């Protein structure tokens, strides 16, 4: 190994990439790295285990632990980039959370696997290798947290899991930022994110936990008691996953309005890929005190709202966070 090789820290959390049976992840991060000996040819790798869970079991506490460790290690001069191994079900959420709270412009890359190590055509080793290749690339610096699977490089804000196939991760509206050459591990970027992230983010880890925010899903026959139950349970915010342009049925609007009056934040997001939620269109958001999610999915709108609520409860100020991040 070249003594000048980039030092990359791999933070392992479990997931299918580490799963050697249909049940729980068993491979630790050291074993994942040792299983890809080519990694030692392109970077000076160190490994830490943050968690060992399937991605549906990732918690806010895991997010906080990850973010604090990333900020701590990237604040020094020893490590040039971080790769996080993660299950794919909630990978996009973890990546977007980190995108908002990491305080360094050094590359942070989240990777996973659509096929477990024992499956035919397992993709974990290639994704891990490509993730390290991206993390060591100076051109990845300043682009926020990245997601790399299937030789594509995506912005954390834009990417979502769309299927069970190897090409599961897509940015439907905006496309990838770039690609990894599977033959030699070189990377090529074609664009950069423009929304605030990492060093330009107005959000941070200023508390030990995050406010509770629920997602309520619209459907034919939905009833207002859902809003009432969430308010009674002490949630500080709600993301409404509405139909079409994030619409609220008329039967829901009084309960949502009462929730706002009681001090709870209400964000309108769409359950479909409607691109940008139009503000003050069919619904008078200003009159109701609602926030609109721009192009964020309900699950990502929830993350931004949780962090925004650590700063303010003012809907106008929260809307500014959604307009900028």
Foldseek 3Di string as FASTA:
>chain_A
DPPPAAEEEEEEAAALQQCPDPPFRDRFPVNLCVVQVCLVVRHRYDYDYLHGGHQVPDDQLSLVSVQVVQQVVVVDDRHQFYEYEHHQPCQLLSQLLSFQAAAFQQEYEYEYWLHHPPDVPTFSNLQVLLRSLLNRDPVSGNQGYWYTFPFFIARSQQWDQCDSDRPRIARVPPGTQWGADSVPSHIDGDDGDDFDTHNRHPFYPPDPGWFAEEEDEDDPPDAQVVLVVCVVVPGQEYEYAAAALLDDPPRNLVSLLVCVVVLHAYERDHVDQNQARDACDPDPCVVSLHAYQGRGHSSNSRSLVRRVVVPDSRSVVSNVSSVRD
